[in-house]
């Protein structure tokens, strides 16, 4: 069946590019959302294995979305990966329990997602 992925980002152009890239690399993108409410609804309906969540969701925060998902039912949640155009060093003062990885958007690939899943003990 492959890896099921939900992408959350407020940039429509990035959503299109990321979806196309990941699907070419055999990652099944089960949905895209541009805000937290849409992400939570799609997460419930599509039951992804992994969610890619942009740190900056316009007026919302990806950090808050991660907190919300991880706080509700951590064992039933998909693996949460924060994404950003910035580096992890830019966010070192912001620990995010519940998030398994941070990926720069420029480094996003199917291989990267599979490696994170293996490192998190989810196989693939």
C-alpha atoms as a PDB file:
ATOM      1  CA  UNK A   1       0.000   0.000   0.000  1.00  0.00           C
ATOM      2  CA  UNK A   2       2.908   2.395   0.594  1.00  0.00           C
ATOM      3  CA  UNK A   3       3.354   5.409   2.795  1.00  0.00           C
ATOM      4  CA  UNK A   4       0.251   7.584   3.223  1.00  0.00           C
ATOM      5  CA  UNK A   5       1.096  11.271   3.619  1.00  0.00           C
ATOM      6  CA  UNK A   6      -0.876  14.429   4.396  1.00  0.00           C
ATOM      7  CA  UNK A   7       0.773  17.784   3.594  1.00  0.00           C
ATOM      8  CA  UNK A   8      -0.174  20.940   5.518  1.00  0.00           C
ATOM      9  CA  UNK A   9       1.072  24.242   4.102  1.00  0.00           C
ATOM     10  CA  UNK A  10      -0.540  27.591   3.335  1.00  0.00           C
ATOM     11  CA  UNK A  11       1.377  27.987   0.047  1.00  0.00           C
ATOM     12  CA  UNK A  12      -0.694  26.494  -2.789  1.00  0.00           C
ATOM     13  CA  UNK A  13       2.328  26.440  -5.108  1.00  0.00           C
ATOM     14  CA  UNK A  14       4.375  24.447  -2.617  1.00  0.00           C
ATOM     15  CA  UNK A  15       1.477  22.035  -2.051  1.00  0.00           C
ATOM     16  CA  UNK A  16       1.315  21.287  -5.789  1.00  0.00           C
ATOM     17  CA  UNK A  17       5.072  20.857  -6.172  1.00  0.00           C
ATOM     18  CA  UNK A  18       5.443  18.731  -3.024  1.00  0.00           C
ATOM     19  CA  UNK A  19       2.504  16.507  -3.966  1.00  0.00           C
ATOM     20  CA  UNK A  20       3.860  15.934  -7.480  1.00  0.00           C
ATOM     21  CA  UNK A  21       7.383  15.237  -6.209  1.00  0.00           C
ATOM     22  CA  UNK A  22       6.304  12.806  -3.497  1.00  0.00           C
ATOM     23  CA  UNK A  23       3.836  10.942  -5.710  1.00  0.00           C
ATOM     24  CA  UNK A  24       6.550  10.471  -8.359  1.00  0.00           C
ATOM     25  CA  UNK A  25       8.640   8.925  -5.574  1.00  0.00           C
ATOM     26  CA  UNK A  26       5.878   6.486  -4.570  1.00  0.00           C
ATOM     27  CA  UNK A  27       4.599   8.375  -1.521  1.00  0.00           C
ATOM     28  CA  UNK A  28       0.789   8.282  -1.535  1.00  0.00           C
ATOM     29  CA  UNK A  29      -0.351  11.853  -0.810  1.00  0.00           C
ATOM     30  CA  UNK A  30      -3.820  11.304   0.650  1.00  0.00           C
ATOM     31  CA  UNK A  31      -4.562  14.993   1.016  1.00  0.00           C
ATOM     32  CA  UNK A  32      -3.345  18.551   1.328  1.00  0.00           C
ATOM     33  CA  UNK A  33      -4.556  21.237   3.707  1.00  0.00           C
ATOM     34  CA  UNK A  34      -3.788  24.925   4.038  1.00  0.00           C
ATOM     35  CA  UNK A  35      -4.777  25.372   7.699  1.00  0.00           C
ATOM     36  CA  UNK A  36      -5.141  23.518  10.981  1.00  0.00           C
ATOM     37  CA  UNK A  37      -8.887  22.908  10.725  1.00  0.00           C
ATOM     38  CA  UNK A  38      -8.521  21.387   7.272  1.00  0.00           C
ATOM     39  CA  UNK A  39      -5.573  19.300   8.424  1.00  0.00           C
ATOM     40  CA  UNK A  40      -7.442  17.886  11.416  1.00  0.00           C
ATOM     41  CA  UNK A  41     -10.465  17.028   9.290  1.00  0.00           C
ATOM     42  CA  UNK A  42      -8.374  15.345   6.604  1.00  0.00           C
ATOM     43  CA  UNK A  43      -6.292  13.526   9.217  1.00  0.00           C
ATOM     44  CA  UNK A  44      -9.427  12.005  10.673  1.00  0.00           C
ATOM     45  CA  UNK A  45     -10.803  11.004   7.259  1.00  0.00           C
ATOM     46  CA  UNK A  46      -7.638   9.836   5.489  1.00  0.00           C
ATOM     47  CA  UNK A  47      -5.639   8.324   8.385  1.00  0.00           C
ATOM     48  CA  UNK A  48      -2.158   9.157   7.037  1.00  0.00           C
ATOM     49  CA  UNK A  49       1.015   7.426   8.233  1.00  0.00           C
ATOM     50  CA  UNK A  50       2.857  10.733   8.236  1.00  0.00           C
ATOM     51  CA  UNK A  51       1.980  14.432   8.201  1.00  0.00           C
ATOM     52  CA  UNK A  52       4.253  17.132   6.829  1.00  0.00           C
ATOM     53  CA  UNK A  53       3.382  20.341   8.678  1.00  0.00           C
ATOM     54  CA  UNK A  54       4.745  23.745   7.702  1.00  0.00           C
ATOM     55  CA  UNK A  55       6.064  25.733  10.661  1.00  0.00           C
ATOM     56  CA  UNK A  56       4.386  28.913   9.393  1.00  0.00           C
ATOM     57  CA  UNK A  57       0.755  28.422   8.372  1.00  0.00           C
ATOM     58  CA  UNK A  58      -0.044  32.061   7.666  1.00  0.00           C
ATOM     59  CA  UNK A  59      -1.898  33.332  10.737  1.00  0.00           C
ATOM     60  CA  UNK A  60      -1.504  29.927  12.413  1.00  0.00           C
ATOM     61  CA  UNK A  61       1.481  28.019  13.755  1.00  0.00           C
ATOM     62  CA  UNK A  62       2.564  24.555  12.727  1.00  0.00           C
ATOM     63  CA  UNK A  63       3.966  24.171  16.241  1.00  0.00           C
ATOM     64  CA  UNK A  64       0.465  24.618  17.667  1.00  0.00           C
ATOM     65  CA  UNK A  65      -0.954  22.069  15.235  1.00  0.00           C
ATOM     66  CA  UNK A  66       1.690  19.522  16.273  1.00  0.00           C
ATOM     67  CA  UNK A  67       0.871  20.180  19.936  1.00  0.00           C
ATOM     68  CA  UNK A  68      -2.828  19.691  19.261  1.00  0.00           C
ATOM     69  CA  UNK A  69      -2.372  16.411  17.393  1.00  0.00           C
ATOM     70  CA  UNK A  70       0.227  14.973  19.760  1.00  0.00           C
ATOM     71  CA  UNK A  71      -1.819  15.981  22.802  1.00  0.00           C
ATOM     72  CA  UNK A  72      -5.077  14.362  21.654  1.00  0.00           C
ATOM     73  CA  UNK A  73      -4.058  10.746  21.112  1.00  0.00           C
ATOM     74  CA  UNK A  74      -0.302  10.423  20.660  1.00  0.00           C
ATOM     75  CA  UNK A  75      -0.305   6.678  20.052  1.00  0.00           C
ATOM     76  CA  UNK A  76      -2.990   6.921  17.356  1.00  0.00           C
ATOM     77  CA  UNK A  77      -1.442   9.934  15.624  1.00  0.00           C
ATOM     78  CA  UNK A  78       0.518   9.827  12.386  1.00  0.00           C
ATOM     79  CA  UNK A  79       4.215  10.614  12.577  1.00  0.00           C
ATOM     80  CA  UNK A  80       4.546  14.386  12.521  1.00  0.00           C
ATOM     81  CA  UNK A  81       7.316  16.052  10.529  1.00  0.00           C
ATOM     82  CA  UNK A  82       7.778  19.805  10.612  1.00  0.00           C
ATOM     83  CA  UNK A  83       8.863  21.448   7.356  1.00  0.00           C
ATOM     84  CA  UNK A  84      10.195  24.935   6.677  1.00  0.00           C
ATOM     85  CA  UNK A  85      12.232  26.984   4.258  1.00  0.00           C
ATOM     86  CA  UNK A  86      14.466  27.827   7.235  1.00  0.00           C
ATOM     87  CA  UNK A  87      16.945  25.553   8.987  1.00  0.00           C
ATOM     88  CA  UNK A  88      16.413  23.766  12.272  1.00  0.00           C
ATOM     89  CA  UNK A  89      18.931  26.148  13.877  1.00  0.00           C
ATOM     90  CA  UNK A  90      16.399  28.950  13.392  1.00  0.00           C
ATOM     91  CA  UNK A  91      13.991  27.088  15.713  1.00  0.00           C
ATOM     92  CA  UNK A  92      16.292  25.627  18.380  1.00  0.00           C
ATOM     93  CA  UNK A  93      14.583  27.628  21.111  1.00  0.00           C
ATOM     94  CA  UNK A  94      11.255  25.992  20.248  1.00  0.00           C
ATOM     95  CA  UNK A  95      11.178  22.328  21.292  1.00  0.00           C
ATOM     96  CA  UNK A  96       8.284  20.416  19.785  1.00  0.00           C
ATOM     97  CA  UNK A  97       7.368  17.213  21.619  1.00  0.00           C
ATOM     98  CA  UNK A  98       5.401  14.911  19.353  1.00  0.00           C
ATOM     99  CA  UNK A  99       7.363  15.800  16.243  1.00  0.00           C
ATOM    100  CA  UNK A 100       9.740  13.091  14.967  1.00  0.00           C
ATOM    101  CA  UNK A 101      11.752  15.204  12.531  1.00  0.00           C
ATOM    102  CA  UNK A 102      12.386  18.548  10.909  1.00  0.00           C
ATOM    103  CA  UNK A 103      12.978  18.782   7.152  1.00  0.00           C
ATOM    104  CA  UNK A 104      13.894  21.799   5.073  1.00  0.00           C
ATOM    105  CA  UNK A 105      11.512  22.102   2.157  1.00  0.00           C
ATOM    106  CA  UNK A 106      14.457  22.030  -0.238  1.00  0.00           C
ATOM    107  CA  UNK A 107      15.444  18.591   1.178  1.00  0.00           C
ATOM    108  CA  UNK A 108      11.982  17.054   0.929  1.00  0.00           C
ATOM    109  CA  UNK A 109      11.825  13.740  -0.940  1.00  0.00           C
ATOM    110  CA  UNK A 110      10.308  10.290  -0.740  1.00  0.00           C
ATOM    111  CA  UNK A 111      13.690   8.947   0.335  1.00  0.00           C
ATOM    112  CA  UNK A 112      13.851  11.445   3.194  1.00  0.00           C
ATOM    113  CA  UNK A 113      10.378  10.477   4.431  1.00  0.00           C
ATOM    114  CA  UNK A 114      11.181   6.757   4.248  1.00  0.00           C
ATOM    115  CA  UNK A 115      14.439   7.289   6.179  1.00  0.00           C
ATOM    116  CA  UNK A 116      12.571   9.178   8.904  1.00  0.00           C
ATOM    117  CA  UNK A 117      10.009   6.388   9.145  1.00  0.00           C
ATOM    118  CA  UNK A 118      12.765   3.784   9.497  1.00  0.00           C
ATOM    119  CA  UNK A 119      14.589   5.897  12.089  1.00  0.00           C
ATOM    120  CA  UNK A 120      11.314   6.248  14.034  1.00  0.00           C
ATOM    121  CA  UNK A 121      10.871   2.476  14.019  1.00  0.00           C
ATOM    122  CA  UNK A 122       7.978   2.516  11.556  1.00  0.00           C
ATOM    123  CA  UNK A 123       9.749   0.455   8.901  1.00  0.00           C
ATOM    124  CA  UNK A 124       8.984   0.923   5.225  1.00  0.00           C
END
